[in-house]
Protein backbone atom coordinates (compact mmCIF):
# COMPACT_ATOMS: atom_id res chain seq x y z
CA GLU A 1 -10.63 21.97 38.66
CA GLU A 2 -10.96 18.23 38.14
CA GLU A 3 -10.67 18.63 34.36
CA ASP A 4 -7.30 20.37 34.80
CA ARG A 5 -6.05 17.70 37.20
CA GLU A 6 -7.09 14.99 34.73
CA PHE A 7 -5.30 16.86 31.93
CA LEU A 8 -2.07 16.95 33.95
CA ARG A 9 -2.37 13.26 34.88
CA GLU A 10 -2.86 12.21 31.25
CA TYR A 11 -0.05 14.48 30.05
CA ARG A 12 2.36 13.04 32.64
CA ALA A 13 1.34 9.46 31.78
CA GLN A 14 1.83 10.17 28.08
CA LEU A 15 5.39 11.36 28.70
CA GLU A 16 6.25 8.53 31.09
CA PHE A 17 5.24 5.90 28.52
CA SER A 18 8.45 3.97 27.73
CA PRO A 19 8.12 1.68 24.69
CA GLY A 20 10.84 -0.84 23.96
CA GLY A 21 12.79 -1.20 20.73
CA ARG A 22 10.56 -3.95 19.34
CA TYR A 23 7.47 -1.87 20.04
CA ILE A 24 8.93 1.11 18.16
CA ILE A 25 9.94 -0.99 15.15
CA ALA A 26 6.51 -2.64 15.00
CA ARG A 27 4.84 0.76 15.36
CA ILE A 28 6.77 2.01 12.33
CA MET A 29 6.19 -1.03 10.11
CA ILE A 30 2.56 -1.89 10.91
CA PRO A 31 -0.26 0.39 9.73
CA LYS A 32 -1.55 2.62 12.52
CA TRP A 33 -5.15 1.34 12.50
CA ILE A 34 -4.03 -2.28 12.78
CA PHE A 35 -1.43 -1.59 15.46
CA ALA A 36 -3.86 0.37 17.65
CA ALA A 37 -6.47 -2.40 17.28
CA VAL A 38 -4.20 -5.21 18.48
CA VAL A 39 -1.85 -3.42 20.92
CA PRO A 40 -3.64 -2.10 24.04
CA ALA A 41 -0.76 0.23 24.95
CA GLU A 42 -1.07 2.04 21.62
CA ALA A 43 -4.81 2.47 22.03
CA GLU A 44 -4.21 3.82 25.54
CA GLN A 45 -1.68 6.33 24.20
CA ASP A 46 -4.22 7.45 21.59
CA ARG A 47 -6.77 7.99 24.36
CA ARG A 48 -4.26 10.03 26.37
CA LYS A 49 -3.41 12.07 23.29
CA GLU A 50 -7.04 13.06 22.80
CA LYS A 51 -7.41 13.93 26.49
CA VAL A 52 -4.32 16.13 26.35
CA ARG A 53 -5.50 17.87 23.17
CA ALA A 54 -8.91 18.50 24.74
CA GLY A 55 -7.19 20.00 27.78
CA LEU A 56 -5.07 22.27 25.59
CA LYS A 57 -8.16 23.45 23.71
CA ARG A 58 -9.75 24.40 27.04
CA LEU A 59 -6.57 26.22 28.07
CA ILE A 60 -6.44 28.14 24.78
CA GLN A 61 -10.07 29.20 25.06
CA ARG A 62 -9.56 30.20 28.69
CA ARG A 63 -6.60 32.36 27.68
CA ARG A 64 -8.64 33.97 24.89
CA ASP A 65 -11.32 34.84 27.43
CA GLU A 66 -8.72 36.32 29.79
CA MET A 67 -7.22 38.41 26.97
CA ALA A 68 -10.64 39.71 25.95
CA ALA A 69 -11.59 40.57 29.54
CA ALA A 70 -8.26 42.33 30.20
CA ALA A 71 -8.49 44.28 26.94
CA ALA A 72 -12.06 45.37 27.71
CA ALA A 73 -11.16 46.41 31.25
CA LYS A 74 -8.31 48.57 29.97
CA GLY A 75 -10.23 50.01 27.05
CA GLY A 76 -8.32 47.95 24.54
CA GLY A 77 -4.95 48.13 26.29
CA ALA A 78 -2.34 45.39 26.61
CA GLU A 79 -3.15 42.14 28.40
CA VAL A 80 -1.71 41.36 31.80
CA ARG A 81 -0.02 38.10 30.79
CA SER A 82 3.14 37.99 28.67
CA ASP A 83 3.70 34.23 28.30
CA LEU A 84 4.31 32.26 25.10
CA LEU A 85 0.69 31.15 24.69
CA THR A 86 -0.62 34.71 25.01
CA MET A 87 1.95 36.01 22.52
CA MET A 88 1.09 33.23 20.07
CA LEU A 89 -2.64 33.94 20.32
CA ARG A 90 -2.08 37.68 19.94
CA ALA A 91 0.11 37.14 16.86
CA ASN A 92 -2.49 34.79 15.42
CA MET A 93 -5.22 37.40 15.82
CA GLU A 94 -3.11 40.21 14.37
CA GLY A 95 -1.25 38.36 11.62
CA ASP A 96 -2.22 37.47 8.06
CA ALA A 97 -1.42 33.75 8.27
CA VAL A 98 -4.03 32.60 10.78
CA LEU A 99 -3.51 29.22 12.42
CA THR A 100 -6.41 26.81 12.70
CA GLU A 101 -7.54 25.57 16.11
CA ASP A 102 -5.74 22.24 15.59
CA GLU A 103 -2.56 24.06 14.56
CA LEU A 104 -2.74 26.21 17.68
CA VAL A 105 -3.06 23.06 19.78
CA ASP A 106 -0.08 21.51 17.96
CA GLN A 107 2.09 24.56 18.65
CA ALA A 108 0.97 24.75 22.29
CA GLN A 109 1.86 21.08 22.78
CA THR A 110 5.25 21.65 21.14
CA PHE A 111 6.11 24.47 23.53
CA MET A 112 4.75 22.60 26.53
CA THR A 113 6.71 19.42 25.82
CA ALA A 114 9.77 20.57 23.92
CA GLY A 115 10.15 23.75 25.95
CA GLN A 116 10.15 22.03 29.33
CA VAL A 117 10.53 18.27 29.31
CA THR A 118 13.24 17.97 26.66
CA THR A 119 15.35 20.79 28.11
CA ALA A 120 15.01 19.28 31.58
CA ALA A 121 16.23 15.97 30.14
CA THR A 122 19.23 17.69 28.51
CA ILE A 123 20.17 19.39 31.79
CA SER A 124 19.88 16.04 33.61
CA PHE A 125 22.19 14.35 31.11
CA VAL A 126 24.71 17.21 31.40
CA ILE A 127 24.75 16.76 35.17
CA MET A 128 25.09 12.98 34.80
CA GLU A 129 28.09 13.26 32.47
CA VAL A 130 29.86 16.28 33.95
CA THR A 131 29.81 14.72 37.42
CA ARG A 132 31.20 11.50 35.93
CA ASP A 133 34.50 13.15 34.96
CA PRO A 134 36.16 15.58 37.43
CA ALA A 135 38.28 17.06 34.61
CA ILE A 136 35.17 18.10 32.67
CA ARG A 137 33.59 19.58 35.79
CA GLU A 138 36.71 21.53 36.73
CA ARG A 139 37.10 22.97 33.23
CA LEU A 140 33.44 24.00 33.11
CA VAL A 141 33.54 25.64 36.55
CA LYS A 142 36.77 27.45 35.71
CA GLU A 143 35.15 28.96 32.62
CA ILE A 144 31.86 30.07 34.20
CA ASP A 145 33.09 31.19 37.65
CA PRO A 146 34.33 34.64 36.56
CA LEU A 147 30.77 35.43 35.44
CA ALA A 148 29.05 33.94 38.50
CA ALA A 149 27.65 37.25 39.79
CA SER A 150 26.14 38.07 36.40
CA ILE A 151 24.83 34.55 35.74
CA LEU A 152 23.17 34.23 39.15
CA LYS A 153 21.82 37.79 39.36
CA PRO A 154 18.00 37.89 39.63
CA ARG A 155 16.71 39.63 36.52
CA ALA A 156 12.94 39.88 36.89
CA GLU A 157 10.11 39.71 39.36
CA ALA A 158 8.24 36.42 39.57
CA GLY A 159 5.97 36.03 36.57
CA ALA A 160 7.68 38.72 34.47
CA LEU A 161 8.97 37.80 31.03
CA LEU A 162 12.38 38.85 29.75
CA THR A 163 12.84 39.26 26.02
CA GLU A 164 15.85 39.76 23.78
CA ASP A 165 15.01 43.48 23.76
CA ASP A 166 15.94 43.78 27.44
CA ALA A 167 19.45 45.17 27.89
CA GLU A 168 20.30 42.78 30.72
CA CYS A 169 19.03 39.80 28.76
CA LYS A 170 21.11 40.82 25.74
CA ALA A 171 24.17 41.18 27.96
CA LEU A 172 23.65 37.73 29.49
CA LEU A 173 23.19 36.04 26.10
CA LYS A 174 26.36 37.73 24.85
CA GLN A 175 28.26 36.48 27.89
CA LEU A 176 26.99 32.94 27.33
CA ASP A 177 28.09 33.08 23.70
CA GLU A 178 31.60 33.82 24.95
CA LEU A 179 31.77 30.54 26.94
CA PRO A 180 32.82 27.89 24.39
CA TYR A 181 33.21 25.03 26.85
CA LEU A 182 29.72 25.59 28.28
CA GLU A 183 28.32 25.40 24.76
CA ALA A 184 30.36 22.28 24.02
CA VAL A 185 29.10 20.61 27.22
CA VAL A 186 25.46 21.22 26.25
CA LYS A 187 25.86 20.40 22.53
CA GLU A 188 27.58 17.12 23.35
CA ALA A 189 24.71 16.11 25.67
CA LEU A 190 22.25 16.85 22.85
CA ARG A 191 24.35 14.72 20.49
CA VAL A 192 24.77 11.65 22.70
CA TYR A 193 21.35 11.94 24.38
CA PRO A 194 18.98 13.64 21.91
CA PRO A 195 15.48 14.46 23.20
CA ALA A 196 14.00 12.52 20.28
CA THR A 197 15.80 9.43 19.01
CA LEU A 198 13.96 9.12 15.68
CA THR A 199 11.30 10.84 13.64
CA PRO A 200 9.02 9.67 10.78
CA ARG A 201 8.66 11.52 7.48
CA GLU A 202 6.17 10.71 4.69
CA ALA A 203 7.42 10.80 1.11
CA LEU A 204 5.30 13.34 -0.80
CA GLU A 205 6.46 11.98 -4.14
CA ASP A 206 8.53 9.15 -5.62
CA ASP A 207 12.20 9.62 -4.85
CA TYR A 208 15.55 7.89 -4.49
CA ILE A 209 17.81 7.96 -1.43
CA ASP A 210 21.30 6.64 -2.06
CA GLY A 211 19.97 4.57 -4.94
CA VAL A 212 17.04 3.12 -2.96
CA PHE A 213 13.60 3.80 -4.47
CA ILE A 214 11.17 5.48 -2.04
CA PRO A 215 7.56 5.38 -3.34
CA LYS A 216 5.18 8.24 -2.68
CA GLY A 217 3.28 7.79 0.60
CA VAL A 218 5.90 5.60 2.26
CA THR A 219 6.99 6.56 5.78
CA VAL A 220 10.75 7.00 6.14
CA THR A 221 12.12 6.95 9.67
CA VAL A 222 15.13 9.16 10.39
CA PRO A 223 17.17 7.60 13.26
CA MET A 224 18.75 10.80 14.61
CA HIS A 225 20.40 9.12 17.58
CA MET A 226 22.14 6.47 15.46
CA ILE A 227 23.34 9.13 13.01
CA MET A 228 24.73 11.26 15.83
CA ILE A 229 26.81 8.38 17.23
CA ASP A 230 27.93 7.01 13.85
CA PRO A 231 31.71 6.29 14.09
CA THR A 232 32.19 7.01 10.37
CA ILE A 233 31.16 10.61 11.05
CA TRP A 234 32.22 11.26 14.64
CA GLY A 235 35.22 8.94 15.02
CA PRO A 236 35.83 5.72 16.97
CA ASP A 237 34.68 7.32 20.26
CA ALA A 238 31.39 8.50 18.73
CA ALA A 239 29.25 7.04 21.52
CA LYS A 240 31.37 8.65 24.24
CA TYR A 241 30.45 11.96 25.86
CA ARG A 242 33.43 14.19 25.06
CA PRO A 243 32.78 17.98 24.91
CA GLU A 244 36.28 18.62 23.57
CA ARG A 245 35.23 17.26 20.16
CA TRP A 246 33.48 20.62 19.57
CA LEU A 247 36.59 22.70 20.32
CA ASP A 248 39.70 23.69 18.40
CA PRO A 249 42.60 22.11 20.36
CA ALA A 250 44.87 25.03 19.52
CA THR A 251 42.60 27.88 20.60
CA GLY A 252 40.01 26.29 22.92
CA GLN A 253 37.30 28.06 20.92
CA LEU A 254 34.42 26.37 19.12
CA ALA A 255 35.67 24.57 16.03
CA THR A 256 33.94 24.47 12.67
CA PRO A 257 32.43 20.97 12.25
CA THR A 258 32.94 19.04 9.05
CA LYS A 259 30.16 19.19 6.47
CA ALA A 260 29.13 15.63 7.39
CA GLN A 261 29.03 16.49 11.11
CA ALA A 262 27.04 19.67 10.49
CA MET A 263 24.38 17.67 8.65
CA ALA A 264 24.53 14.70 11.04
CA TYR A 265 24.07 16.87 14.15
CA MET A 266 20.28 16.98 14.32
CA PRO A 267 18.87 17.11 17.86
CA PHE A 268 16.51 19.76 16.46
CA LEU A 269 16.42 18.38 12.89
CA HIS A 270 17.06 20.56 9.82
CA GLY A 271 15.14 22.48 7.19
CA PRO A 272 11.59 23.85 7.39
CA ARG A 273 10.63 21.19 9.98
CA ARG A 274 13.45 22.20 12.31
CA CYS A 275 12.32 22.64 15.92
CA ILE A 276 10.83 26.11 16.28
CA GLY A 277 12.31 26.48 19.76
CA SER A 278 15.85 25.22 19.09
CA ARG A 279 17.63 28.51 19.84
CA PHE A 280 15.51 29.08 22.93
CA ALA A 281 16.16 25.53 24.17
CA LEU A 282 19.94 25.86 23.74
CA TYR A 283 20.08 29.13 25.69
CA GLU A 284 17.71 27.77 28.33
CA ALA A 285 19.97 24.78 28.94
CA LYS A 286 23.12 26.91 28.99
CA VAL A 287 21.65 29.34 31.52
CA ALA A 288 20.45 26.52 33.78
CA VAL A 289 23.72 24.57 33.64
CA ALA A 290 25.83 27.69 34.25
CA ALA A 291 23.64 28.75 37.18
CA LEU A 292 23.70 25.31 38.81
CA PHE A 293 27.47 24.90 38.63
CA CYS A 294 28.05 28.51 39.75
CA ALA A 295 25.76 28.20 42.77
CA PHE A 296 26.66 24.66 43.82
CA VAL A 297 29.41 22.09 43.93
CA VAL A 298 27.62 19.40 41.93
CA GLU A 299 28.90 15.88 42.57
CA ARG A 300 27.92 12.25 42.75
CA PRO A 301 27.44 10.72 46.20
CA ASP A 302 29.60 7.74 47.17
CA ASN A 303 26.68 5.35 46.67
CA PHE A 304 25.78 6.71 43.23
CA VAL A 305 23.96 4.22 41.00
CA GLU A 306 24.03 4.68 37.22
CA PRO A 307 20.46 5.70 36.34
CA LYS A 308 18.27 4.03 33.76
CA CYS A 309 17.02 6.30 30.99
CA THR A 310 13.37 5.73 30.17
CA GLY A 311 10.30 7.57 28.97
CA LEU A 312 8.91 8.88 25.68
CA VAL A 313 11.50 11.63 26.10
CA PRO A 314 14.45 9.68 27.60
CA VAL A 315 15.35 11.06 31.04
CA PRO A 316 17.66 9.64 33.74
CA GLN A 317 15.41 8.04 36.36
CA ASN A 318 16.13 8.06 40.11
CA MET A 319 19.44 9.88 39.70
CA TYR A 320 20.73 11.10 43.04
CA ILE A 321 23.18 14.03 42.94
CA ARG A 322 24.70 16.06 45.77
CA PHE A 323 24.38 19.88 45.57
CA ILE A 324 26.62 21.78 48.00
CA PRO A 325 26.05 25.57 48.10
CA ARG A 326 28.99 27.78 47.10
CA PRO A 327 28.59 30.76 49.47
CA GLU A 328 31.17 32.93 47.71
CA ASN A 329 29.29 32.93 44.40
CA ILE A 330 25.85 33.11 45.99
CA ALA A 331 26.87 36.12 48.08
CA ALA A 332 28.38 37.87 45.05
CA ALA A 333 25.05 37.61 43.25
CA ALA A 334 23.07 38.69 46.33
CA ILE A 335 20.65 35.76 46.18
CA ALA A 336 19.39 33.25 48.72
CA VAL A 337 19.32 29.48 48.19
């Protein structure tokens, strides 16, 4: 339908919006109503936001109607769909803590954006950095290759949903947890290239931070990216992509970060506002990266040009990578590329 096409256009435009540093600083310091009145780009983003929210409300109502029709057709049985939106709506209808319509839209937008766009960005940055250094690529491939058949094995029919209760899914997640370098490769991409570079928080009461008075109602911006490349926490090579920083040099296993590093590592933030899909996103990225490097020789072409990273969620733009099928691994998993 035209409404759905418009929704997708507005959603894509919202994500592709790429404000500069001065814009972001001004947006933080100037009251919202003033900024939107004098900056056309901000007013346009507000318009897109409302269009996207309206589209999500239509989608939620459509899914409710589908659930009701399926339940009626089956005499109250289970619905046909098993996706995240359906599960969220079902839990909301059956649970005690019922979400409002606006809260449902907020959660749907979180899963739509954070569950797809940000993970895609992380995978792109992993590819960009791993193909930059042959030593990193060789170490990663050496670790994942023994599990190629398991990693690449098809596990469900199209449209089916695997859960952690599935035996095969549990086995795969356990195998991934036993690949420390794969985890280090993904965690380091999230550190150097976080999906969100900063986030605002409103002070609910008067407080002090490191001796600085923060009045109630003031917006405090947390610069996650700057914290995660702070040399005083991560060392003189803090801005460099180096997966080995997450490993114990003696054992090659994941090392325990210092207390400062544990608090400073915040691609998903901390506390009650921590990203609801952080664990899912980490496994999603690990599965995708492992599958790509098992199935293909991933390398930069001779004419590779360092990509620019733009967008509301920073993503490498116009990055050209060569994927050469690895027949031995593909055949072992009995799949076609």
